């Protein structure tokens, strides 16, 4: 008999800086901050999908043509106290993208290569 009290919960895995550096060329990196903050400084190679914008399959494929639902995705925001990345990960999960992780330290804790769009 099916237990009506069982629920499926997506897990959000947190990764460290070493993981991000090791996988920078393999994963799609998403900066979840507003465009203005992204333009000032972001992890090298990251794309910007602000947490308050709609996430769609078409948008992801436009930004990453080889995108599929199993493609590795690393999402970050500003710092450990920021929840913008978690909002994007939840949106990705609803679309069926299940291979996403959270770089919790954010751009504030990043000590690797960066870019700016200014």
N, C-alpha and C. Protein backbone atom coordinates (compact mmCIF):
# COMPACT_ATOMS: atom_id res chain seq x y z
N UNK A 1 0.85 -1.18 0.00
CA UNK A 1 0.00 0.00 0.00
C UNK A 1 0.90 1.24 0.00
N UNK A 2 0.49 2.22 -0.76
CA UNK A 2 1.22 3.49 -0.86
C UNK A 2 1.03 4.30 0.42
N UNK A 3 2.12 4.82 0.95
CA UNK A 3 2.06 5.65 2.15
C UNK A 3 1.86 7.10 1.72
N UNK A 4 0.73 7.73 2.03
CA UNK A 4 0.46 9.11 1.59
C UNK A 4 1.35 10.15 2.29
N UNK A 5 2.12 9.76 3.28
CA UNK A 5 2.98 10.69 3.99
C UNK A 5 4.40 10.75 3.43
N UNK A 6 4.67 10.04 2.33
CA UNK A 6 5.98 10.07 1.71
C UNK A 6 6.03 11.18 0.66
N UNK A 7 7.09 11.94 0.68
CA UNK A 7 7.26 13.04 -0.28
C UNK A 7 8.65 12.97 -0.88
N UNK A 8 8.76 13.35 -2.13
CA UNK A 8 10.06 13.43 -2.79
C UNK A 8 10.58 14.84 -2.63
N UNK A 9 11.80 14.96 -2.18
CA UNK A 9 12.43 16.26 -2.01
C UNK A 9 13.72 16.30 -2.83
N UNK A 10 13.90 17.32 -3.65
CA UNK A 10 15.18 17.42 -4.36
C UNK A 10 16.29 17.77 -3.37
N UNK A 11 17.44 17.17 -3.57
CA UNK A 11 18.59 17.47 -2.72
C UNK A 11 19.43 18.55 -3.39
N UNK A 12 19.93 19.48 -2.60
CA UNK A 12 20.81 20.50 -3.12
C UNK A 12 22.19 20.24 -2.52
N UNK A 13 23.12 19.89 -3.40
CA UNK A 13 24.47 19.59 -2.96
C UNK A 13 25.31 20.86 -2.99
N UNK A 14 26.04 21.09 -1.92
CA UNK A 14 26.93 22.24 -1.84
C UNK A 14 28.34 21.78 -2.18
N UNK A 15 29.01 22.59 -3.01
CA UNK A 15 30.37 22.24 -3.43
C UNK A 15 31.33 23.35 -3.03
N UNK A 16 32.62 22.98 -2.95
CA UNK A 16 33.62 23.97 -2.57
C UNK A 16 34.34 24.54 -3.79
N UNK A 17 35.22 25.46 -3.54
CA UNK A 17 35.95 26.15 -4.60
C UNK A 17 36.79 25.19 -5.45
N UNK A 18 37.39 24.21 -4.82
CA UNK A 18 38.21 23.24 -5.55
C UNK A 18 37.36 22.47 -6.57
N UNK A 19 36.14 22.11 -6.17
CA UNK A 19 35.23 21.42 -7.08
C UNK A 19 34.91 22.30 -8.28
N UNK A 20 34.61 23.57 -8.02
CA UNK A 20 34.28 24.49 -9.11
C UNK A 20 35.46 24.63 -10.06
N UNK A 21 36.65 24.85 -9.51
CA UNK A 21 37.84 25.01 -10.35
C UNK A 21 38.10 23.76 -11.20
N UNK A 22 37.93 22.60 -10.60
CA UNK A 22 38.17 21.34 -11.30
C UNK A 22 37.16 21.12 -12.44
N UNK A 23 35.95 21.65 -12.29
CA UNK A 23 34.88 21.40 -13.25
C UNK A 23 34.48 22.60 -14.10
N UNK A 24 35.27 23.67 -14.04
CA UNK A 24 34.92 24.90 -14.77
C UNK A 24 34.73 24.67 -16.27
N UNK A 25 35.51 23.79 -16.85
CA UNK A 25 35.44 23.57 -18.29
C UNK A 25 34.46 22.47 -18.68
N UNK A 26 33.87 21.82 -17.69
CA UNK A 26 32.94 20.72 -17.95
C UNK A 26 31.49 21.12 -17.69
N UNK A 27 31.29 22.05 -16.77
CA UNK A 27 29.95 22.40 -16.32
C UNK A 27 29.53 23.77 -16.84
N UNK A 28 28.22 23.98 -16.89
CA UNK A 28 27.68 25.31 -17.14
C UNK A 28 27.67 26.00 -15.78
N UNK A 29 28.29 27.18 -15.70
CA UNK A 29 28.31 27.93 -14.45
C UNK A 29 27.32 29.07 -14.57
N UNK A 30 26.41 29.15 -13.62
CA UNK A 30 25.36 30.18 -13.63
C UNK A 30 25.55 31.12 -12.44
N UNK A 31 25.64 32.41 -12.75
CA UNK A 31 25.65 33.47 -11.75
C UNK A 31 24.19 33.90 -11.59
N UNK A 32 23.65 33.77 -10.40
CA UNK A 32 22.24 34.04 -10.15
C UNK A 32 21.96 35.47 -9.70
N UNK A 33 22.96 36.33 -9.75
CA UNK A 33 22.81 37.70 -9.28
C UNK A 33 22.22 38.61 -10.36
N UNK A 34 21.71 39.78 -9.97
CA UNK A 34 21.22 40.73 -10.96
C UNK A 34 22.33 41.09 -11.97
N UNK A 35 21.91 41.44 -13.17
CA UNK A 35 22.85 41.71 -14.27
C UNK A 35 23.90 42.76 -13.90
N UNK A 36 23.53 43.78 -13.17
CA UNK A 36 24.46 44.84 -12.78
C UNK A 36 25.62 44.27 -11.96
N UNK A 37 25.32 43.37 -11.03
CA UNK A 37 26.36 42.75 -10.19
C UNK A 37 27.20 41.78 -11.02
N UNK A 38 26.55 41.03 -11.90
CA UNK A 38 27.26 40.11 -12.78
C UNK A 38 28.26 40.87 -13.65
N UNK A 39 27.83 42.01 -14.18
CA UNK A 39 28.70 42.80 -15.05
C UNK A 39 29.94 43.32 -14.33
N UNK A 40 29.83 43.57 -13.02
CA UNK A 40 30.98 44.06 -12.25
C UNK A 40 32.04 42.98 -12.09
N UNK A 41 31.60 41.76 -11.76
CA UNK A 41 32.56 40.68 -11.52
C UNK A 41 31.81 39.35 -11.45
N UNK A 42 32.30 38.37 -12.18
CA UNK A 42 31.73 37.03 -12.12
C UNK A 42 32.82 35.99 -12.37
N UNK A 43 32.54 34.76 -12.00
CA UNK A 43 33.48 33.67 -12.24
C UNK A 43 33.69 33.54 -13.74
N UNK A 44 34.93 33.38 -14.13
CA UNK A 44 35.27 33.29 -15.55
C UNK A 44 34.44 32.19 -16.23
N UNK A 45 33.79 32.57 -17.32
CA UNK A 45 32.98 31.63 -18.10
C UNK A 45 31.54 31.50 -17.65
N UNK A 46 31.18 32.14 -16.53
CA UNK A 46 29.81 32.04 -16.01
C UNK A 46 28.85 32.82 -16.90
N UNK A 47 27.62 32.31 -16.99
CA UNK A 47 26.56 33.04 -17.66
C UNK A 47 25.67 33.64 -16.58
N UNK A 48 24.92 34.64 -16.94
CA UNK A 48 24.05 35.31 -15.98
C UNK A 48 22.60 34.93 -16.21
N UNK A 49 22.00 34.34 -15.19
CA UNK A 49 20.55 34.12 -15.17
C UNK A 49 20.09 34.62 -13.80
N UNK A 50 19.66 35.88 -13.73
CA UNK A 50 19.25 36.45 -12.44
C UNK A 50 18.12 35.64 -11.79
N UNK A 51 18.18 35.54 -10.49
CA UNK A 51 17.23 34.73 -9.72
C UNK A 51 15.78 35.14 -9.94
N UNK A 52 15.54 36.41 -10.30
CA UNK A 52 14.17 36.89 -10.45
C UNK A 52 13.67 36.83 -11.89
N UNK A 53 14.41 36.16 -12.76
CA UNK A 53 14.01 36.00 -14.16
C UNK A 53 13.49 34.59 -14.40
N UNK A 54 12.76 34.43 -15.48
CA UNK A 54 12.24 33.12 -15.86
C UNK A 54 13.36 32.27 -16.44
N UNK A 55 13.41 31.02 -16.03
CA UNK A 55 14.37 30.06 -16.57
C UNK A 55 13.59 29.12 -17.49
N UNK A 56 14.09 28.91 -18.70
CA UNK A 56 13.42 28.02 -19.64
C UNK A 56 14.45 27.16 -20.37
N UNK A 57 13.95 26.09 -21.00
CA UNK A 57 14.83 25.23 -21.80
C UNK A 57 15.46 26.06 -22.92
N UNK A 58 14.66 26.92 -23.56
CA UNK A 58 15.16 27.73 -24.68
C UNK A 58 16.27 28.67 -24.22
N UNK A 59 16.11 29.29 -23.07
CA UNK A 59 17.13 30.20 -22.55
C UNK A 59 18.43 29.43 -22.27
N UNK A 60 18.32 28.28 -21.64
CA UNK A 60 19.52 27.49 -21.32
C UNK A 60 20.22 27.03 -22.59
N UNK A 61 19.45 26.61 -23.60
CA UNK A 61 20.07 26.17 -24.86
C UNK A 61 20.67 27.34 -25.63
N UNK A 62 20.09 28.51 -25.49
CA UNK A 62 20.64 29.70 -26.14
C UNK A 62 22.01 30.03 -25.54
N UNK A 63 22.10 29.94 -24.22
CA UNK A 63 23.34 30.28 -23.53
C UNK A 63 24.36 29.14 -23.60
N UNK A 64 23.88 27.92 -23.75
CA UNK A 64 24.75 26.75 -23.81
C UNK A 64 24.14 25.76 -24.81
N UNK A 65 24.52 25.86 -26.10
CA UNK A 65 23.90 25.02 -27.14
C UNK A 65 23.96 23.51 -26.88
N UNK A 66 24.98 23.04 -26.18
CA UNK A 66 25.08 21.60 -25.91
C UNK A 66 24.28 21.17 -24.67
N UNK A 67 23.45 22.05 -24.16
CA UNK A 67 22.70 21.80 -22.94
C UNK A 67 21.71 20.66 -23.08
N UNK A 68 21.69 19.79 -22.08
CA UNK A 68 20.64 18.77 -21.95
C UNK A 68 20.35 18.63 -20.46
N UNK A 69 19.35 17.86 -20.12
CA UNK A 69 18.92 17.78 -18.71
C UNK A 69 19.92 17.12 -17.79
N UNK A 70 20.93 16.45 -18.33
CA UNK A 70 21.94 15.81 -17.49
C UNK A 70 23.25 16.58 -17.46
N UNK A 71 23.31 17.69 -18.17
CA UNK A 71 24.54 18.49 -18.22
C UNK A 71 24.84 19.03 -16.82
N UNK A 72 26.09 18.96 -16.37
CA UNK A 72 26.43 19.48 -15.03
C UNK A 72 26.29 21.01 -14.98
N UNK A 73 25.69 21.48 -13.90
CA UNK A 73 25.46 22.91 -13.70
C UNK A 73 25.94 23.28 -12.31
N UNK A 74 26.70 24.38 -12.24
CA UNK A 74 27.14 24.94 -10.96
C UNK A 74 26.50 26.31 -10.84
N UNK A 75 25.79 26.56 -9.76
CA UNK A 75 25.10 27.83 -9.57
C UNK A 75 25.66 28.51 -8.33
N UNK A 76 25.88 29.82 -8.43
CA UNK A 76 26.36 30.58 -7.29
C UNK A 76 25.68 31.94 -7.26
N UNK A 77 25.80 32.62 -6.13
CA UNK A 77 25.30 33.99 -6.01
C UNK A 77 26.36 34.82 -5.31
N UNK A 78 25.99 35.64 -4.33
CA UNK A 78 26.95 36.57 -3.74
C UNK A 78 27.78 35.96 -2.61
N UNK A 79 27.10 35.36 -1.63
CA UNK A 79 27.79 34.85 -0.44
C UNK A 79 26.98 33.73 0.20
N UNK A 80 27.48 33.22 1.32
CA UNK A 80 26.78 32.16 2.03
C UNK A 80 25.41 32.60 2.52
N UNK A 81 25.24 33.87 2.76
CA UNK A 81 23.97 34.40 3.27
C UNK A 81 22.94 34.63 2.16
N UNK A 82 23.36 34.61 0.92
CA UNK A 82 22.50 34.89 -0.23
C UNK A 82 21.74 33.63 -0.63
N UNK A 83 20.48 33.78 -1.04
CA UNK A 83 19.70 32.61 -1.46
C UNK A 83 19.31 32.64 -2.94
N UNK A 84 19.89 33.55 -3.72
CA UNK A 84 19.56 33.66 -5.14
C UNK A 84 19.88 32.37 -5.91
N UNK A 85 21.01 31.74 -5.61
CA UNK A 85 21.39 30.51 -6.30
C UNK A 85 20.39 29.39 -6.01
N UNK A 86 19.93 29.31 -4.78
CA UNK A 86 18.96 28.27 -4.42
C UNK A 86 17.67 28.44 -5.21
N UNK A 87 17.27 29.69 -5.45
CA UNK A 87 16.05 29.95 -6.24
C UNK A 87 16.23 29.46 -7.67
N UNK A 88 17.41 29.67 -8.25
CA UNK A 88 17.67 29.19 -9.61
C UNK A 88 17.71 27.66 -9.63
N UNK A 89 18.35 27.05 -8.65
CA UNK A 89 18.42 25.58 -8.61
C UNK A 89 17.02 24.99 -8.52
N UNK A 90 16.14 25.57 -7.73
CA UNK A 90 14.76 25.08 -7.63
C UNK A 90 14.05 25.20 -8.98
N UNK A 91 14.27 26.30 -9.69
CA UNK A 91 13.68 26.47 -11.02
C UNK A 91 14.23 25.43 -12.00
N UNK A 92 15.53 25.17 -11.93
CA UNK A 92 16.14 24.15 -12.79
C UNK A 92 15.55 22.77 -12.48
N UNK A 93 15.39 22.45 -11.21
CA UNK A 93 14.80 21.17 -10.81
C UNK A 93 13.40 21.01 -11.37
N UNK A 94 12.59 22.06 -11.32
CA UNK A 94 11.22 22.00 -11.84
C UNK A 94 11.21 21.75 -13.34
N UNK A 95 12.25 22.19 -14.04
CA UNK A 95 12.36 21.96 -15.49
C UNK A 95 12.95 20.59 -15.80
N UNK A 96 13.40 19.86 -14.78
CA UNK A 96 13.94 18.53 -14.99
C UNK A 96 15.46 18.45 -15.02
N UNK A 97 16.14 19.57 -14.77
CA UNK A 97 17.61 19.58 -14.71
C UNK A 97 18.01 19.15 -13.30
N UNK A 98 18.56 17.96 -13.20
CA UNK A 98 18.82 17.38 -11.88
C UNK A 98 20.30 17.29 -11.53
N UNK A 99 21.17 17.74 -12.41
CA UNK A 99 22.61 17.64 -12.17
C UNK A 99 23.18 19.01 -11.83
N UNK A 100 22.53 19.71 -10.91
CA UNK A 100 22.99 21.05 -10.53
C UNK A 100 23.45 21.05 -9.07
N UNK A 101 24.51 21.83 -8.82
CA UNK A 101 25.07 21.95 -7.48
C UNK A 101 25.21 23.43 -7.13
N UNK A 102 25.42 23.69 -5.85
CA UNK A 102 25.47 25.06 -5.33
C UNK A 102 26.86 25.37 -4.79
N UNK A 103 27.51 26.38 -5.39
CA UNK A 103 28.77 26.89 -4.83
C UNK A 103 28.37 27.97 -3.82
N UNK A 104 28.28 27.57 -2.58
CA UNK A 104 27.68 28.37 -1.52
C UNK A 104 28.48 29.63 -1.16
N UNK A 105 29.81 29.61 -1.29
CA UNK A 105 30.62 30.78 -0.90
C UNK A 105 30.38 31.97 -1.82
N UNK A 106 29.89 31.72 -3.02
CA UNK A 106 29.56 32.81 -3.94
C UNK A 106 30.75 33.59 -4.43
N UNK A 107 30.45 34.65 -5.15
CA UNK A 107 31.52 35.47 -5.74
C UNK A 107 32.35 36.13 -4.64
N UNK A 108 31.75 36.40 -3.49
CA UNK A 108 32.49 37.01 -2.39
C UNK A 108 33.61 36.10 -1.90
N UNK A 109 33.40 34.78 -1.91
CA UNK A 109 34.40 33.85 -1.43
C UNK A 109 35.29 33.27 -2.52
N UNK A 110 35.08 33.67 -3.76
CA UNK A 110 35.81 33.10 -4.90
C UNK A 110 37.23 33.66 -4.99
N UNK A 111 38.20 32.76 -5.09
CA UNK A 111 39.60 33.15 -5.21
C UNK A 111 40.20 32.56 -6.48
N UNK A 112 39.41 32.52 -7.53
CA UNK A 112 39.86 31.98 -8.81
C UNK A 112 39.71 33.03 -9.90
N UNK A 113 39.79 32.60 -11.15
CA UNK A 113 39.70 33.55 -12.27
C UNK A 113 38.31 34.19 -12.38
N UNK A 114 38.32 35.49 -12.64
CA UNK A 114 37.07 36.24 -12.78
C UNK A 114 37.09 37.05 -14.08
N UNK A 115 35.93 37.56 -14.43
CA UNK A 115 35.77 38.44 -15.59
C UNK A 115 34.82 39.55 -15.18
N UNK A 116 34.79 40.59 -15.98
CA UNK A 116 33.77 41.63 -15.84
C UNK A 116 33.23 41.92 -17.23
N UNK A 117 32.03 42.45 -17.29
CA UNK A 117 31.40 42.72 -18.58
C UNK A 117 31.30 44.22 -18.82
N UNK A 118 32.04 45.00 -18.08
CA UNK A 118 31.99 46.47 -18.25
C UNK A 118 32.95 46.92 -19.32
